[in-house]
Amino acid sequence: MAEAKNQEVNQEVIQDANEAALQEFEAGLARSISQYKAGLVKTFKTKEDFLDHLKNLE
């Protein structure tokens, strides 16, 4: 019986963590979209342009 209760508690903890992670992801996505619409995001035409940009950050 105690094992079943522990398993139930573990499932609740996992569910809470999943919900928190999803909320954090959704907030980040909304922030990214807002930044894109405001023109604050750099875009790249090709993968090579993007990789060159990353190399130049160092």
C-alpha atoms as a PDB file:
ATOM      1  CA  MET A   1       0.000   0.000   0.000  1.00  0.00           C
ATOM      2  CA  ALA A   2       2.814   2.413   0.854  1.00  0.00           C
ATOM      3  CA  GLU A   3       4.453   1.618  -2.472  1.00  0.00           C
ATOM      4  CA  ALA A   4       1.258   2.490  -4.349  1.00  0.00           C
ATOM      5  CA  LYS A   5       1.053   5.792  -2.468  1.00  0.00           C
ATOM      6  CA  ASN A   6       4.695   6.583  -3.303  1.00  0.00           C
ATOM      7  CA  GLN A   7       4.028   5.794  -6.952  1.00  0.00           C
ATOM      8  CA  GLU A   8       1.006   8.116  -6.911  1.00  0.00           C
ATOM      9  CA  VAL A   9       3.055  10.923  -5.346  1.00  0.00           C
ATOM     10  CA  ASN A  10       5.823  10.384  -7.909  1.00  0.00           C
ATOM     11  CA  GLN A  11       3.295  10.645 -10.750  1.00  0.00           C
ATOM     12  CA  GLU A  12       1.983  13.922  -9.296  1.00  0.00           C
ATOM     13  CA  VAL A  13       5.523  15.325  -9.061  1.00  0.00           C
ATOM     14  CA  ILE A  14       6.224  14.305 -12.659  1.00  0.00           C
ATOM     15  CA  GLN A  15       2.932  15.849 -13.819  1.00  0.00           C
ATOM     16  CA  ASP A  16       3.714  19.115 -11.979  1.00  0.00           C
ATOM     17  CA  ALA A  17       7.201  19.223 -13.520  1.00  0.00           C
ATOM     18  CA  ASN A  18       5.784  18.575 -16.990  1.00  0.00           C
ATOM     19  CA  GLU A  19       3.209  21.343 -16.577  1.00  0.00           C
ATOM     20  CA  ALA A  20       5.868  23.785 -15.345  1.00  0.00           C
ATOM     21  CA  ALA A  21       8.140  22.921 -18.274  1.00  0.00           C
ATOM     22  CA  LEU A  22       5.270  23.384 -20.731  1.00  0.00           C
ATOM     23  CA  GLN A  23       4.379  26.778 -19.232  1.00  0.00           C
ATOM     24  CA  GLU A  24       8.023  27.861 -19.433  1.00  0.00           C
ATOM     25  CA  PHE A  25       8.215  26.721 -23.073  1.00  0.00           C
ATOM     26  CA  GLU A  26       4.994  28.549 -23.979  1.00  0.00           C
ATOM     27  CA  ALA A  27       6.219  31.754 -22.305  1.00  0.00           C
ATOM     28  CA  GLY A  28       9.531  31.536 -24.170  1.00  0.00           C
ATOM     29  CA  LEU A  29       7.748  30.959 -27.454  1.00  0.00           C
ATOM     30  CA  ALA A  30       5.475  33.960 -26.896  1.00  0.00           C
ATOM     31  CA  ARG A  31       8.529  36.081 -25.998  1.00  0.00           C
ATOM     32  CA  SER A  32      10.330  34.947 -29.157  1.00  0.00           C
ATOM     33  CA  ILE A  33       7.356  35.768 -31.358  1.00  0.00           C
ATOM     34  CA  SER A  34       7.088  39.233 -29.786  1.00  0.00           C
ATOM     35  CA  GLN A  35      10.792  39.857 -30.363  1.00  0.00           C
ATOM     36  CA  TYR A  36      10.487  38.693 -33.980  1.00  0.00           C
ATOM     37  CA  LYS A  37       7.522  40.997 -34.615  1.00  0.00           C
ATOM     38  CA  ALA A  38       9.458  43.908 -33.069  1.00  0.00           C
ATOM     39  CA  GLY A  39      12.370  43.297 -35.441  1.00  0.00           C
ATOM     40  CA  LEU A  40      14.742  42.260 -32.665  1.00  0.00           C
ATOM     41  CA  VAL A  41      15.594  38.870 -34.164  1.00  0.00           C
ATOM     42  CA  LYS A  42      18.351  38.226 -36.681  1.00  0.00           C
ATOM     43  CA  THR A  43      17.349  35.899 -39.505  1.00  0.00           C
ATOM     44  CA  PHE A  44      19.511  33.988 -41.946  1.00  0.00           C
ATOM     45  CA  LYS A  45      18.872  33.006 -45.548  1.00  0.00           C
ATOM     46  CA  THR A  46      20.961  29.854 -45.432  1.00  0.00           C
ATOM     47  CA  LYS A  47      22.291  27.382 -42.922  1.00  0.00           C
ATOM     48  CA  GLU A  48      25.803  28.448 -43.885  1.00  0.00           C
ATOM     49  CA  ASP A  49      25.035  32.090 -43.047  1.00  0.00           C
ATOM     50  CA  PHE A  50      23.781  30.978 -39.654  1.00  0.00           C
ATOM     51  CA  LEU A  51      26.838  28.819 -38.978  1.00  0.00           C
ATOM     52  CA  ASP A  52      29.175  31.635 -40.049  1.00  0.00           C
ATOM     53  CA  HIS A  53      27.395  33.959 -37.653  1.00  0.00           C
ATOM     54  CA  LEU A  54      27.846  31.475 -34.798  1.00  0.00           C
ATOM     55  CA  LYS A  55      31.547  31.082 -35.585  1.00  0.00           C
ATOM     56  CA  ASN A  56      32.032  34.857 -35.480  1.00  0.00           C
ATOM     57  CA  LEU A  57      30.476  35.122 -32.018  1.00  0.00           C
ATOM     58  CA  GLU A  58      33.561  33.592 -30.426  1.00  0.00           C
END
